[in-house]
mmCIF file of all heavy atoms, coordinates in Angstrom:
data_MODEL
# 
_entry.id   MODEL 
# 
loop_
_atom_site.group_PDB 
_atom_site.id 
_atom_site.type_symbol 
_atom_site.label_atom_id 
_atom_site.label_alt_id 
_atom_site.label_comp_id 
_atom_site.label_asym_id 
_atom_site.label_entity_id 
_atom_site.label_seq_id 
_atom_site.pdbx_PDB_ins_code 
_atom_site.Cartn_x 
_atom_site.Cartn_y 
_atom_site.Cartn_z 
_atom_site.occupancy 
_atom_site.B_iso_or_equiv 
_atom_site.pdbx_formal_charge 
_atom_site.auth_seq_id 
_atom_site.auth_comp_id 
_atom_site.auth_asym_id 
_atom_site.auth_atom_id 
_atom_site.pdbx_PDB_model_num 
ATOM 1   N N   . GLY A 1 1  ? 135.178 -102.300 14.953 1.00 0.00 ? 1  GLY A N   1 
ATOM 2   C CA  . GLY A 1 1  ? 135.998 -101.459 14.088 1.00 0.00 ? 1  GLY A CA  1 
ATOM 3   C C   . GLY A 1 1  ? 136.217 -102.067 12.726 1.00 0.00 ? 1  GLY A C   1 
ATOM 4   O O   . GLY A 1 1  ? 135.541 -103.023 12.337 1.00 0.00 ? 1  GLY A O   1 
ATOM 5   N N   . GLU A 1 2  ? 137.204 -101.552 12.024 1.00 0.00 ? 2  GLU A N   1 
ATOM 6   C CA  . GLU A 1 2  ? 137.522 -102.034 10.685 1.00 0.00 ? 2  GLU A CA  1 
ATOM 7   C C   . GLU A 1 2  ? 138.079 -103.453 10.775 1.00 0.00 ? 2  GLU A C   1 
ATOM 8   O O   . GLU A 1 2  ? 138.869 -103.779 11.650 1.00 0.00 ? 2  GLU A O   1 
ATOM 9   C CB  . GLU A 1 2  ? 138.563 -101.097 10.036 1.00 0.00 ? 2  GLU A CB  1 
ATOM 10  C CG  . GLU A 1 2  ? 138.867 -101.435 8.599  1.00 0.00 ? 2  GLU A CG  1 
ATOM 11  C CD  . GLU A 1 2  ? 139.858 -100.459 7.988  1.00 0.00 ? 2  GLU A CD  1 
ATOM 12  O OE1 . GLU A 1 2  ? 140.221 -99.479  8.664  1.00 0.00 ? 2  GLU A OE1 1 
ATOM 13  O OE2 . GLU A 1 2  ? 140.261 -100.696 6.843  1.00 0.00 ? 2  GLU A OE2 1 
ATOM 14  N N   . ASP A 1 3  ? 137.645 -104.296 9.848  1.00 0.00 ? 3  ASP A N   1 
ATOM 15  C CA  . ASP A 1 3  ? 138.119 -105.686 9.776  1.00 0.00 ? 3  ASP A CA  1 
ATOM 16  C C   . ASP A 1 3  ? 137.816 -106.488 11.031 1.00 0.00 ? 3  ASP A C   1 
ATOM 17  O O   . ASP A 1 3  ? 138.578 -107.374 11.419 1.00 0.00 ? 3  ASP A O   1 
ATOM 18  C CB  . ASP A 1 3  ? 139.637 -105.730 9.515  1.00 0.00 ? 3  ASP A CB  1 
ATOM 19  C CG  . ASP A 1 3  ? 140.007 -105.082 8.192  1.00 0.00 ? 3  ASP A CG  1 
ATOM 20  O OD1 . ASP A 1 3  ? 139.192 -105.164 7.245  1.00 0.00 ? 3  ASP A OD1 1 
ATOM 21  O OD2 . ASP A 1 3  ? 141.099 -104.489 8.112  1.00 0.00 ? 3  ASP A OD2 1 
ATOM 22  N N   . THR A 1 4  ? 136.709 -106.176 11.682 1.00 0.00 ? 4  THR A N   1 
ATOM 23  C CA  . THR A 1 4  ? 136.290 -106.948 12.848 1.00 0.00 ? 4  THR A CA  1 
ATOM 24  C C   . THR A 1 4  ? 134.864 -107.456 12.624 1.00 0.00 ? 4  THR A C   1 
ATOM 25  O O   . THR A 1 4  ? 134.127 -106.946 11.786 1.00 0.00 ? 4  THR A O   1 
ATOM 26  C CB  . THR A 1 4  ? 136.340 -106.115 14.142 1.00 0.00 ? 4  THR A CB  1 
ATOM 27  O OG1 . THR A 1 4  ? 135.429 -105.014 14.032 1.00 0.00 ? 4  THR A OG1 1 
ATOM 28  C CG2 . THR A 1 4  ? 137.741 -105.608 14.421 1.00 0.00 ? 4  THR A CG2 1 
ATOM 29  N N   . LEU A 1 5  ? 134.505 -108.462 13.387 1.00 0.00 ? 5  LEU A N   1 
ATOM 30  C CA  . LEU A 1 5  ? 133.168 -109.054 13.319 1.00 0.00 ? 5  LEU A CA  1 
ATOM 31  C C   . LEU A 1 5  ? 132.467 -108.884 14.648 1.00 0.00 ? 5  LEU A C   1 
ATOM 32  O O   . LEU A 1 5  ? 133.104 -108.880 15.708 1.00 0.00 ? 5  LEU A O   1 
ATOM 33  C CB  . LEU A 1 5  ? 133.275 -110.547 12.982 1.00 0.00 ? 5  LEU A CB  1 
ATOM 34  C CG  . LEU A 1 5  ? 133.987 -110.921 11.674 1.00 0.00 ? 5  LEU A CG  1 
ATOM 35  C CD1 . LEU A 1 5  ? 134.276 -112.420 11.641 1.00 0.00 ? 5  LEU A CD1 1 
ATOM 36  C CD2 . LEU A 1 5  ? 133.132 -110.512 10.484 1.00 0.00 ? 5  LEU A CD2 1 
ATOM 37  N N   . GLN A 1 6  ? 131.162 -108.763 14.602 1.00 0.00 ? 6  GLN A N   1 
ATOM 38  C CA  . GLN A 1 6  ? 130.374 -108.621 15.823 1.00 0.00 ? 6  GLN A CA  1 
ATOM 39  C C   . GLN A 1 6  ? 129.957 -110.004 16.321 1.00 0.00 ? 6  GLN A C   1 
ATOM 40  O O   . GLN A 1 6  ? 129.411 -110.809 15.570 1.00 0.00 ? 6  GLN A O   1 
ATOM 41  C CB  . GLN A 1 6  ? 129.146 -107.753 15.560 1.00 0.00 ? 6  GLN A CB  1 
ATOM 42  C CG  . GLN A 1 6  ? 128.802 -106.798 16.696 1.00 0.00 ? 6  GLN A CG  1 
ATOM 43  C CD  . GLN A 1 6  ? 128.036 -107.512 17.819 1.00 0.00 ? 6  GLN A CD  1 
ATOM 44  O OE1 . GLN A 1 6  ? 127.418 -108.528 17.598 1.00 0.00 ? 6  GLN A OE1 1 
ATOM 45  N NE2 . GLN A 1 6  ? 128.092 -106.958 19.018 1.00 0.00 ? 6  GLN A NE2 1 
ATOM 46  N N   . PHE A 1 7  ? 130.259 -110.285 17.575 1.00 0.00 ? 7  PHE A N   1 
ATOM 47  C CA  . PHE A 1 7  ? 129.987 -111.585 18.191 1.00 0.00 ? 7  PHE A CA  1 
ATOM 48  C C   . PHE A 1 7  ? 128.537 -112.027 17.993 1.00 0.00 ? 7  PHE A C   1 
ATOM 49  O O   . PHE A 1 7  ? 128.265 -113.126 17.526 1.00 0.00 ? 7  PHE A O   1 
ATOM 50  C CB  . PHE A 1 7  ? 130.324 -111.484 19.684 1.00 0.00 ? 7  PHE A CB  1 
ATOM 51  C CG  . PHE A 1 7  ? 130.155 -112.748 20.485 1.00 0.00 ? 7  PHE A CG  1 
ATOM 52  C CD1 . PHE A 1 7  ? 131.195 -113.662 20.598 1.00 0.00 ? 7  PHE A CD1 1 
ATOM 53  C CD2 . PHE A 1 7  ? 128.970 -113.001 21.167 1.00 0.00 ? 7  PHE A CD2 1 
ATOM 54  C CE1 . PHE A 1 7  ? 131.050 -114.805 21.363 1.00 0.00 ? 7  PHE A CE1 1 
ATOM 55  C CE2 . PHE A 1 7  ? 128.819 -114.134 21.925 1.00 0.00 ? 7  PHE A CE2 1 
ATOM 56  C CZ  . PHE A 1 7  ? 129.870 -115.040 22.033 1.00 0.00 ? 7  PHE A CZ  1 
ATOM 57  N N   . GLN A 1 8  ? 127.602 -111.132 18.320 1.00 0.00 ? 8  GLN A N   1 
ATOM 58  C CA  . GLN A 1 8  ? 126.189 -111.493 18.239 1.00 0.00 ? 8  GLN A CA  1 
ATOM 59  C C   . GLN A 1 8  ? 125.740 -111.685 16.797 1.00 0.00 ? 8  GLN A C   1 
ATOM 60  O O   . GLN A 1 8  ? 124.909 -112.551 16.502 1.00 0.00 ? 8  GLN A O   1 
ATOM 61  C CB  . GLN A 1 8  ? 125.325 -110.430 18.926 1.00 0.00 ? 8  GLN A CB  1 
ATOM 62  C CG  . GLN A 1 8  ? 123.905 -110.883 19.203 1.00 0.00 ? 8  GLN A CG  1 
ATOM 63  C CD  . GLN A 1 8  ? 123.851 -112.179 20.014 1.00 0.00 ? 8  GLN A CD  1 
ATOM 64  O OE1 . GLN A 1 8  ? 124.513 -112.320 21.030 1.00 0.00 ? 8  GLN A OE1 1 
ATOM 65  N NE2 . GLN A 1 8  ? 123.064 -113.137 19.543 1.00 0.00 ? 8  GLN A NE2 1 
ATOM 66  N N   . HIS A 1 9  ? 126.313 -110.916 15.870 1.00 0.00 ? 9  HIS A N   1 
ATOM 67  C CA  . HIS A 1 9  ? 125.970 -111.098 14.465 1.00 0.00 ? 9  HIS A CA  1 
ATOM 68  C C   . HIS A 1 9  ? 126.461 -112.443 13.959 1.00 0.00 ? 9  HIS A C   1 
ATOM 69  O O   . HIS A 1 9  ? 125.776 -113.096 13.150 1.00 0.00 ? 9  HIS A O   1 
ATOM 70  C CB  . HIS A 1 9  ? 126.567 -109.969 13.621 1.00 0.00 ? 9  HIS A CB  1 
ATOM 71  C CG  . HIS A 1 9  ? 125.905 -108.648 13.830 1.00 0.00 ? 9  HIS A CG  1 
ATOM 72  N ND1 . HIS A 1 9  ? 126.386 -107.476 13.289 1.00 0.00 ? 9  HIS A ND1 1 
ATOM 73  C CD2 . HIS A 1 9  ? 124.791 -108.304 14.531 1.00 0.00 ? 9  HIS A CD2 1 
ATOM 74  C CE1 . HIS A 1 9  ? 125.602 -106.461 13.650 1.00 0.00 ? 9  HIS A CE1 1 
ATOM 75  N NE2 . HIS A 1 9  ? 124.627 -106.946 14.410 1.00 0.00 ? 9  HIS A NE2 1 
ATOM 76  N N   . LEU A 1 10 ? 127.644 -112.848 14.396 1.00 0.00 ? 10 LEU A N   1 
ATOM 77  C CA  . LEU A 1 10 ? 128.186 -114.135 13.975 1.00 0.00 ? 10 LEU A CA  1 
ATOM 78  C C   . LEU A 1 10 ? 127.277 -115.272 14.441 1.00 0.00 ? 10 LEU A C   1 
ATOM 79  O O   . LEU A 1 10 ? 127.076 -116.252 13.721 1.00 0.00 ? 10 LEU A O   1 
ATOM 80  C CB  . LEU A 1 10 ? 129.592 -114.321 14.536 1.00 0.00 ? 10 LEU A CB  1 
ATOM 81  C CG  . LEU A 1 10 ? 130.391 -115.524 14.033 1.00 0.00 ? 10 LEU A CG  1 
ATOM 82  C CD1 . LEU A 1 10 ? 130.570 -115.461 12.524 1.00 0.00 ? 10 LEU A CD1 1 
ATOM 83  C CD2 . LEU A 1 10 ? 131.761 -115.587 14.727 1.00 0.00 ? 10 LEU A CD2 1 
ATOM 84  N N   . ILE A 1 11 ? 126.707 -115.105 15.642 1.00 0.00 ? 11 ILE A N   1 
ATOM 85  C CA  . ILE A 1 11 ? 125.773 -116.111 16.148 1.00 0.00 ? 11 ILE A CA  1 
ATOM 86  C C   . ILE A 1 11 ? 124.457 -116.081 15.357 1.00 0.00 ? 11 ILE A C   1 
ATOM 87  O O   . ILE A 1 11 ? 123.976 -117.107 14.890 1.00 0.00 ? 11 ILE A O   1 
ATOM 88  C CB  . ILE A 1 11 ? 125.496 -115.872 17.657 1.00 0.00 ? 11 ILE A CB  1 
ATOM 89  C CG1 . ILE A 1 11 ? 126.744 -116.224 18.477 1.00 0.00 ? 11 ILE A CG1 1 
ATOM 90  C CG2 . ILE A 1 11 ? 124.295 -116.698 18.130 1.00 0.00 ? 11 ILE A CG2 1 
ATOM 91  C CD1 . ILE A 1 11 ? 126.600 -115.959 19.963 1.00 0.00 ? 11 ILE A CD1 1 
ATOM 92  N N   . SER A 1 12 ? 123.888 -114.894 15.201 1.00 0.00 ? 12 SER A N   1 
ATOM 93  C CA  . SER A 1 12 ? 122.572 -114.789 14.547 1.00 0.00 ? 12 SER A CA  1 
ATOM 94  C C   . SER A 1 12 ? 122.615 -115.173 13.076 1.00 0.00 ? 12 SER A C   1 
ATOM 95  O O   . SER A 1 12 ? 121.610 -115.629 12.517 1.00 0.00 ? 12 SER A O   1 
ATOM 96  C CB  . SER A 1 12 ? 122.017 -113.371 14.703 1.00 0.00 ? 12 SER A CB  1 
ATOM 97  O OG  . SER A 1 12 ? 122.880 -112.424 14.111 1.00 0.00 ? 12 SER A OG  1 
ATOM 98  N N   . ASP A 1 13 ? 123.778 -115.026 12.442 1.00 0.00 ? 13 ASP A N   1 
ATOM 99  C CA  . ASP A 1 13 ? 123.893 -115.337 11.016 1.00 0.00 ? 13 ASP A CA  1 
ATOM 100 C C   . ASP A 1 13 ? 124.271 -116.787 10.744 1.00 0.00 ? 13 ASP A C   1 
ATOM 101 O O   . ASP A 1 13 ? 124.458 -117.175 9.591  1.00 0.00 ? 13 ASP A O   1 
ATOM 102 C CB  . ASP A 1 13 ? 124.937 -114.434 10.352 1.00 0.00 ? 13 ASP A CB  1 
ATOM 103 C CG  . ASP A 1 13 ? 124.507 -112.975 10.315 1.00 0.00 ? 13 ASP A CG  1 
ATOM 104 O OD1 . ASP A 1 13 ? 123.302 -112.711 10.483 1.00 0.00 ? 13 ASP A OD1 1 
ATOM 105 O OD2 . ASP A 1 13 ? 125.385 -112.102 10.130 1.00 0.00 ? 13 ASP A OD2 1 
ATOM 106 N N   . SER A 1 14 ? 124.391 -117.601 11.802 1.00 0.00 ? 14 SER A N   1 
ATOM 107 C CA  . SER A 1 14 ? 124.814 -118.987 11.635 1.00 0.00 ? 14 SER A CA  1 
ATOM 108 C C   . SER A 1 14 ? 123.692 -119.937 12.014 1.00 0.00 ? 14 SER A C   1 
ATOM 109 O O   . SER A 1 14 ? 122.803 -119.594 12.799 1.00 0.00 ? 14 SER A O   1 
ATOM 110 C CB  . SER A 1 14 ? 126.056 -119.274 12.500 1.00 0.00 ? 14 SER A CB  1 
ATOM 111 O OG  . SER A 1 14 ? 127.114 -118.400 12.160 1.00 0.00 ? 14 SER A OG  1 
ATOM 112 N N   . ASP A 1 15 ? 123.739 -121.157 11.452 1.00 0.00 ? 15 ASP A N   1 
ATOM 113 C CA  . ASP A 1 15 ? 122.720 -122.148 11.788 1.00 0.00 ? 15 ASP A CA  1 
ATOM 114 C C   . ASP A 1 15 ? 123.103 -122.840 13.094 1.00 0.00 ? 15 ASP A C   1 
ATOM 115 O O   . ASP A 1 15 ? 124.205 -122.665 13.607 1.00 0.00 ? 15 ASP A O   1 
ATOM 116 C CB  . ASP A 1 15 ? 122.535 -123.160 10.661 1.00 0.00 ? 15 ASP A CB  1 
ATOM 117 C CG  . ASP A 1 15 ? 123.789 -123.958 10.380 1.00 0.00 ? 15 ASP A CG  1 
ATOM 118 O OD1 . ASP A 1 15 ? 124.291 -124.626 11.291 1.00 0.00 ? 15 ASP A OD1 1 
ATOM 119 O OD2 . ASP A 1 15 ? 124.301 -123.911 9.239  1.00 0.00 ? 15 ASP A OD2 1 
ATOM 120 N N   . GLU A 1 16 ? 122.172 -123.643 13.621 1.00 0.00 ? 16 GLU A N   1 
ATOM 121 C CA  . GLU A 1 16 ? 122.417 -124.297 14.892 1.00 0.00 ? 16 GLU A CA  1 
ATOM 122 C C   . GLU A 1 16 ? 122.574 -125.804 14.768 1.00 0.00 ? 16 GLU A C   1 
ATOM 123 O O   . GLU A 1 16 ? 122.300 -126.546 15.700 1.00 0.00 ? 16 GLU A O   1 
ATOM 124 C CB  . GLU A 1 16 ? 121.304 -123.970 15.893 1.00 0.00 ? 16 GLU A CB  1 
ATOM 125 C CG  . GLU A 1 16 ? 119.893 -124.304 15.428 1.00 0.00 ? 16 GLU A CG  1 
ATOM 126 C CD  . GLU A 1 16 ? 118.863 -124.018 16.509 1.00 0.00 ? 16 GLU A CD  1 
ATOM 127 O OE1 . GLU A 1 16 ? 118.946 -124.615 17.582 1.00 0.00 ? 16 GLU A OE1 1 
ATOM 128 O OE2 . GLU A 1 16 ? 117.988 -123.156 16.259 1.00 0.00 ? 16 GLU A OE2 1 
ATOM 129 N N   . ASP A 1 17 ? 123.038 -126.234 13.612 1.00 0.00 ? 17 ASP A N   1 
ATOM 130 C CA  . ASP A 1 17 ? 123.304 -127.642 13.412 1.00 0.00 ? 17 ASP A CA  1 
ATOM 131 C C   . ASP A 1 17 ? 124.261 -128.140 14.495 1.00 0.00 ? 17 ASP A C   1 
ATOM 132 O O   . ASP A 1 17 ? 125.274 -127.501 14.774 1.00 0.00 ? 17 ASP A O   1 
ATOM 133 C CB  . ASP A 1 17 ? 123.923 -127.846 12.020 1.00 0.00 ? 17 ASP A CB  1 
ATOM 134 C CG  . ASP A 1 17 ? 124.320 -129.288 11.767 1.00 0.00 ? 17 ASP A CG  1 
ATOM 135 O OD1 . ASP A 1 17 ? 123.706 -130.173 12.363 1.00 0.00 ? 17 ASP A OD1 1 
ATOM 136 O OD2 . ASP A 1 17 ? 125.256 -129.501 10.972 1.00 0.00 ? 17 ASP A OD2 1 
ATOM 137 N N   . ARG A 1 18 ? 123.964 -129.299 15.072 1.00 0.00 ? 18 ARG A N   1 
ATOM 138 C CA  . ARG A 1 18 ? 124.756 -129.801 16.189 1.00 0.00 ? 18 ARG A CA  1 
ATOM 139 C C   . ARG A 1 18 ? 125.890 -130.718 15.769 1.00 0.00 ? 18 ARG A C   1 
ATOM 140 O O   . ARG A 1 18 ? 126.385 -131.484 16.579 1.00 0.00 ? 18 ARG A O   1 
ATOM 141 C CB  . ARG A 1 18 ? 123.863 -130.582 17.163 1.00 0.00 ? 18 ARG A CB  1 
ATOM 142 C CG  . ARG A 1 18 ? 122.902 -129.742 17.956 1.00 0.00 ? 18 ARG A CG  1 
ATOM 143 C CD  . ARG A 1 18 ? 122.313 -130.563 19.070 1.00 0.00 ? 18 ARG A CD  1 
ATOM 144 N NE  . ARG A 1 18 ? 121.422 -129.793 19.904 1.00 0.00 ? 18 ARG A NE  1 
ATOM 145 C CZ  . ARG A 1 18 ? 121.041 -130.159 21.116 1.00 0.00 ? 18 ARG A CZ  1 
ATOM 146 N NH1 . ARG A 1 18 ? 121.485 -131.272 21.637 1.00 0.00 ? 18 ARG A NH1 1 
ATOM 147 N NH2 . ARG A 1 18 ? 120.220 -129.414 21.826 1.00 0.00 ? 18 ARG A NH2 1 
ATOM 148 N N   . ARG A 1 19 ? 126.334 -130.648 14.533 1.00 0.00 ? 19 ARG A N   1 
ATOM 149 C CA  . ARG A 1 19 ? 127.350 -131.612 14.100 1.00 0.00 ? 19 ARG A CA  1 
ATOM 150 C C   . ARG A 1 19 ? 128.590 -131.521 14.986 1.00 0.00 ? 19 ARG A C   1 
ATOM 151 O O   . ARG A 1 19 ? 128.981 -130.458 15.445 1.00 0.00 ? 19 ARG A O   1 
ATOM 152 C CB  . ARG A 1 19 ? 127.723 -131.416 12.636 1.00 0.00 ? 19 ARG A CB  1 
ATOM 153 C CG  . ARG A 1 19 ? 128.366 -130.075 12.292 1.00 0.00 ? 19 ARG A CG  1 
ATOM 154 C CD  . ARG A 1 19 ? 128.553 -129.985 10.783 1.00 0.00 ? 19 ARG A CD  1 
ATOM 155 N NE  . ARG A 1 19 ? 129.188 -128.751 10.374 1.00 0.00 ? 19 ARG A NE  1 
ATOM 156 C CZ  . ARG A 1 19 ? 128.556 -127.630 10.154 1.00 0.00 ? 19 ARG A CZ  1 
ATOM 157 N NH1 . ARG A 1 19 ? 127.261 -127.573 10.373 1.00 0.00 ? 19 ARG A NH1 1 
ATOM 158 N NH2 . ARG A 1 19 ? 129.206 -126.550 9.752  1.00 0.00 ? 19 ARG A NH2 1 
ATOM 159 N N   . SER A 1 20 ? 129.203 -132.645 15.185 1.00 0.00 ? 20 SER A N   1 
ATOM 160 C CA  . SER A 1 20 ? 130.355 -132.742 16.080 1.00 0.00 ? 20 SER A CA  1 
ATOM 161 C C   . SER A 1 20 ? 131.571 -132.102 15.453 1.00 0.00 ? 20 SER A C   1 
ATOM 162 O O   . SER A 1 20 ? 131.749 -132.108 14.234 1.00 0.00 ? 20 SER A O   1 
ATOM 163 C CB  . SER A 1 20 ? 130.658 -134.211 16.390 1.00 0.00 ? 20 SER A CB  1 
ATOM 164 O OG  . SER A 1 20 ? 131.898 -134.342 17.049 1.00 0.00 ? 20 SER A OG  1 
ATOM 165 N N   . GLY A 1 21 ? 132.417 -131.561 16.309 1.00 0.00 ? 21 GLY A N   1 
ATOM 166 C CA  . GLY A 1 21 ? 133.685 -131.016 15.821 1.00 0.00 ? 21 GLY A CA  1 
ATOM 167 C C   . GLY A 1 21 ? 134.778 -132.076 15.759 1.00 0.00 ? 21 GLY A C   1 
ATOM 168 O O   . GLY A 1 21 ? 135.902 -131.797 15.360 1.00 0.00 ? 21 GLY A O   1 
ATOM 169 N N   . ASN A 1 22 ? 134.472 -133.328 16.158 1.00 0.00 ? 22 ASN A N   1 
ATOM 170 C CA  . ASN A 1 22 ? 135.460 -134.400 16.175 1.00 0.00 ? 22 ASN A CA  1 
ATOM 171 C C   . ASN A 1 22 ? 136.707 -133.980 16.932 1.00 0.00 ? 22 ASN A C   1 
ATOM 172 O O   . ASN A 1 22 ? 137.833 -134.214 16.493 1.00 0.00 ? 22 ASN A O   1 
ATOM 173 C CB  . ASN A 1 22 ? 135.841 -134.803 14.738 1.00 0.00 ? 22 ASN A CB  1 
ATOM 174 C CG  . ASN A 1 22 ? 134.667 -135.404 13.997 1.00 0.00 ? 22 ASN A CG  1 
ATOM 175 O OD1 . ASN A 1 22 ? 133.913 -136.183 14.543 1.00 0.00 ? 22 ASN A OD1 1 
ATOM 176 N ND2 . ASN A 1 22 ? 134.499 -135.024 12.728 1.00 0.00 ? 22 ASN A ND2 1 
ATOM 177 N N   . ALA A 1 23 ? 136.514 -133.347 18.088 1.00 0.00 ? 23 ALA A N   1 
ATOM 178 C CA  . ALA A 1 23 ? 137.640 -132.835 18.867 1.00 0.00 ? 23 ALA A CA  1 
ATOM 179 C C   . ALA A 1 23 ? 138.244 -133.957 19.702 1.00 0.00 ? 23 ALA A C   1 
ATOM 180 O O   . ALA A 1 23 ? 138.101 -133.999 20.914 1.00 0.00 ? 23 ALA A O   1 
ATOM 181 C CB  . ALA A 1 23 ? 137.168 -131.693 19.769 1.00 0.00 ? 23 ALA A CB  1 
ATOM 182 N N   . LYS A 1 24 ? 138.897 -134.897 19.004 1.00 0.00 ? 24 LYS A N   1 
ATOM 183 C CA  . LYS A 1 24 ? 139.476 -136.049 19.687 1.00 0.00 ? 24 LYS A CA  1 
ATOM 184 C C   . LYS A 1 24 ? 140.975 -136.081 19.416 1.00 0.00 ? 24 LYS A C   1 
ATOM 185 O O   . LYS A 1 24 ? 141.396 -135.998 18.264 1.00 0.00 ? 24 LYS A O   1 
ATOM 186 C CB  . LYS A 1 24 ? 138.803 -137.338 19.200 1.00 0.00 ? 24 LYS A CB  1 
ATOM 187 C CG  . LYS A 1 24 ? 137.293 -137.321 19.359 1.00 0.00 ? 24 LYS A CG  1 
ATOM 188 C CD  . LYS A 1 24 ? 136.656 -138.467 18.604 1.00 0.00 ? 24 LYS A CD  1 
ATOM 189 C CE  . LYS A 1 24 ? 135.132 -138.355 18.658 1.00 0.00 ? 24 LYS A CE  1 
ATOM 190 N NZ  . LYS A 1 24 ? 134.479 -139.403 17.852 1.00 0.00 ? 24 LYS A NZ  1 
ATOM 191 N N   . TYR A 1 25 ? 141.755 -136.241 20.446 1.00 0.00 ? 25 TYR A N   1 
ATOM 192 C CA  . TYR A 1 25 ? 143.201 -136.223 20.313 1.00 0.00 ? 25 TYR A CA  1 
ATOM 193 C C   . TYR A 1 25 ? 143.779 -137.475 20.954 1.00 0.00 ? 25 TYR A C   1 
ATOM 194 O O   . TYR A 1 25 ? 143.332 -137.897 22.017 1.00 0.00 ? 25 TYR A O   1 
ATOM 195 C CB  . TYR A 1 25 ? 143.782 -134.979 20.980 1.00 0.00 ? 25 TYR A CB  1 
ATOM 196 C CG  . TYR A 1 25 ? 143.337 -133.690 20.350 1.00 0.00 ? 25 TYR A CG  1 
ATOM 197 C CD1 . TYR A 1 25 ? 142.174 -133.044 20.776 1.00 0.00 ? 25 TYR A CD1 1 
ATOM 198 C CD2 . TYR A 1 25 ? 144.061 -133.129 19.314 1.00 0.00 ? 25 TYR A CD2 1 
ATOM 199 C CE1 . TYR A 1 25 ? 141.748 -131.866 20.180 1.00 0.00 ? 25 TYR A CE1 1 
ATOM 200 C CE2 . TYR A 1 25 ? 143.646 -131.939 18.716 1.00 0.00 ? 25 TYR A CE2 1 
ATOM 201 C CZ  . TYR A 1 25 ? 142.501 -131.313 19.149 1.00 0.00 ? 25 TYR A CZ  1 
ATOM 202 O OH  . TYR A 1 25 ? 142.076 -130.160 18.567 1.00 0.00 ? 25 TYR A OH  1 
# 
């Protein structure tokens, strides 16, 4: 709908760089 993003488009439009998210707490 309006102001929404498509899941598959978000995947296909992004690169696959494996950089870490530094998810350390």
